[in-house]
Amino acid sequence: MTAISENLDAVNRCQIAGLKRAGLTLDPVLDCAEFYKHVRNVQSAIIHTYQLKAYAAVRLEDPKEAATLWREMTDFCNSALEAISELRSKHPQCGTAELYDLALDYKAQAEKRYYENLKDSECQPIPEGLFARTM
């Protein structure tokens, strides 16, 4: 894991921790707008992290390494889902349902790419001479 990836993961954990804290301390009726800011931060983190992981994954030669990136994304989505599932009933009008759906969708796509890359890694390396050369 690179320093950039470690920093990204740390920031993402902070966003989720902030959401949890806000969910426990803010009033669902009086502080919905304030709570929604935390929801929006986690939404942004999911979308941005997915874009970064995708960008990095397609540039890796080893599909097993790319699979690792997608596993990290799946884990991040799981963390968001765990946090929001506890808060959906307390803050139903503050964007929690939308965040839950978004995290679920991104998790599904990350898992799909994880398994695709894992499957591709089983075919590595391609034996020399397997495909005929054409000139």
Protein backbone atom coordinates (compact mmCIF):
# COMPACT_ATOMS: atom_id res chain seq x y z
CA MET A 1 0.00 0.00 0.00
CA THR A 2 1.34 3.41 -0.90
CA ALA A 3 1.42 6.46 1.32
CA ILE A 4 -1.24 8.08 -0.86
CA SER A 5 -3.50 5.07 -0.48
CA GLU A 6 -2.91 4.99 3.27
CA ASN A 7 -3.78 8.69 3.51
CA LEU A 8 -6.91 8.20 1.43
CA ASP A 9 -8.00 5.33 3.66
CA ALA A 10 -7.34 7.44 6.77
CA VAL A 11 -9.41 10.33 5.41
CA ASN A 12 -12.22 7.93 4.50
CA ARG A 13 -12.21 6.45 8.00
CA CYS A 14 -12.41 9.97 9.41
CA GLN A 15 -15.42 10.77 7.21
CA ILE A 16 -17.24 7.67 8.43
CA ALA A 17 -16.28 8.39 12.06
CA GLY A 18 -17.60 11.94 11.65
CA LEU A 19 -20.87 10.61 10.28
CA LYS A 20 -21.22 8.22 13.22
CA ARG A 21 -20.47 10.97 15.74
CA ALA A 22 -22.93 13.33 14.10
CA GLY A 23 -25.57 10.63 14.01
CA LEU A 24 -25.25 10.06 17.73
CA THR A 25 -25.11 13.70 18.80
CA LEU A 26 -27.27 15.67 16.36
CA ASP A 27 -31.02 15.94 16.71
CA PRO A 28 -32.76 14.28 13.73
CA VAL A 29 -35.33 17.07 13.40
CA LEU A 30 -33.46 20.20 14.41
CA ASP A 31 -30.04 19.35 12.96
CA CYS A 32 -30.96 17.54 9.73
CA ALA A 33 -29.11 20.05 7.54
CA GLU A 34 -25.97 19.71 9.66
CA PHE A 35 -26.19 15.92 9.64
CA TYR A 36 -26.70 15.95 5.86
CA LYS A 37 -23.28 17.64 5.48
CA HIS A 38 -21.72 14.51 6.98
CA VAL A 39 -23.81 12.30 4.69
CA ARG A 40 -22.64 14.34 1.70
CA ASN A 41 -19.00 14.02 2.80
CA VAL A 42 -19.27 10.22 2.88
CA GLN A 43 -21.07 10.23 -0.48
CA SER A 44 -18.26 12.31 -1.96
CA ALA A 45 -15.63 10.04 -0.42
CA ILE A 46 -17.25 6.95 -1.94
CA ILE A 47 -17.50 8.49 -5.41
CA HIS A 48 -14.00 9.98 -5.36
CA THR A 49 -12.36 6.87 -3.91
CA TYR A 50 -14.02 4.72 -6.56
CA GLN A 51 -12.67 7.00 -9.30
CA LEU A 52 -9.15 6.87 -7.85
CA LYS A 53 -9.22 3.08 -7.43
CA ALA A 54 -10.53 2.64 -10.98
CA TYR A 55 -7.87 4.95 -12.38
CA ALA A 56 -5.13 3.06 -10.55
CA ALA A 57 -6.53 -0.42 -11.28
CA VAL A 58 -6.61 -0.06 -15.06
CA ARG A 59 -2.98 1.05 -15.06
CA LEU A 60 -1.69 -1.97 -13.18
CA GLU A 61 -0.18 -4.80 -15.17
CA ASP A 62 -0.93 -7.41 -12.52
CA PRO A 63 -4.67 -8.10 -12.22
CA LYS A 64 -4.09 -9.49 -8.72
CA GLU A 65 -2.87 -6.05 -7.62
CA ALA A 66 -5.93 -4.49 -9.27
CA ALA A 67 -8.12 -6.97 -7.41
CA THR A 68 -6.57 -5.74 -4.16
CA LEU A 69 -7.62 -2.18 -4.97
CA TRP A 70 -11.17 -3.33 -5.62
CA ARG A 71 -11.21 -5.31 -2.37
CA GLU A 72 -10.18 -2.12 -0.55
CA MET A 73 -13.05 -0.27 -2.22
CA THR A 74 -15.48 -3.01 -1.23
CA ASP A 75 -14.26 -2.82 2.36
CA PHE A 76 -14.73 0.96 2.39
CA CYS A 77 -18.28 0.60 1.08
CA ASN A 78 -18.96 -2.02 3.76
CA SER A 79 -17.76 0.40 6.43
CA ALA A 80 -20.07 3.09 5.09
CA LEU A 81 -22.97 0.65 4.93
CA GLU A 82 -22.41 -0.45 8.52
CA ALA A 83 -22.32 3.14 9.73
CA ILE A 84 -25.37 4.27 7.82
CA SER A 85 -27.44 1.20 8.62
CA GLU A 86 -27.29 2.20 12.28
CA LEU A 87 -28.39 5.76 11.45
CA ARG A 88 -31.08 5.25 8.80
CA SER A 89 -33.91 4.87 11.27
CA LYS A 90 -32.78 7.79 13.44
CA HIS A 91 -32.19 10.22 10.53
CA PRO A 92 -34.56 8.99 7.77
CA GLN A 93 -35.09 12.41 6.17
CA CYS A 94 -31.45 13.50 6.11
CA GLY A 95 -30.09 11.64 3.08
CA THR A 96 -29.38 8.35 4.79
CA ALA A 97 -31.46 6.24 2.41
CA GLU A 98 -29.74 7.76 -0.60
CA LEU A 99 -26.30 7.22 0.94
CA TYR A 100 -27.15 3.61 1.74
CA ASP A 101 -28.27 2.98 -1.86
CA LEU A 102 -25.20 4.71 -3.28
CA ALA A 103 -22.82 2.70 -1.07
CA LEU A 104 -24.63 -0.50 -2.01
CA ASP A 105 -24.34 0.27 -5.74
CA TYR A 106 -20.66 1.16 -5.52
CA LYS A 107 -19.96 -1.92 -3.44
CA ALA A 108 -21.63 -4.13 -6.05
CA GLN A 109 -19.55 -2.60 -8.83
CA ALA A 110 -16.33 -2.89 -6.83
CA GLU A 111 -17.06 -6.55 -6.03
CA LYS A 112 -17.75 -7.23 -9.71
CA ARG A 113 -14.41 -5.74 -10.68
CA TYR A 114 -12.68 -7.55 -7.83
CA TYR A 115 -13.87 -10.93 -9.07
CA GLU A 116 -13.13 -10.06 -12.71
CA ASN A 117 -9.55 -9.14 -11.82
CA LEU A 118 -9.16 -12.18 -9.61
CA LYS A 119 -10.32 -14.38 -12.47
CA ASP A 120 -7.91 -12.62 -14.83
CA SER A 121 -5.08 -13.19 -12.38
CA GLU A 122 -5.61 -16.94 -12.63
CA CYS A 123 -4.61 -16.72 -16.28
CA GLN A 124 -1.30 -15.01 -15.56
CA PRO A 125 1.25 -15.21 -16.95
CA ILE A 126 0.29 -16.06 -20.49
CA PRO A 127 2.61 -18.83 -21.70
CA GLU A 128 5.06 -17.82 -24.40
CA GLY A 129 3.96 -19.05 -27.82
CA LEU A 130 0.32 -19.55 -26.85
CA PHE A 131 -0.82 -17.15 -29.53
CA ALA A 132 0.60 -17.17 -33.04
CA ARG A 133 2.36 -14.03 -34.12
CA THR A 134 1.08 -12.36 -37.24
CA MET A 135 3.00 -9.83 -39.18
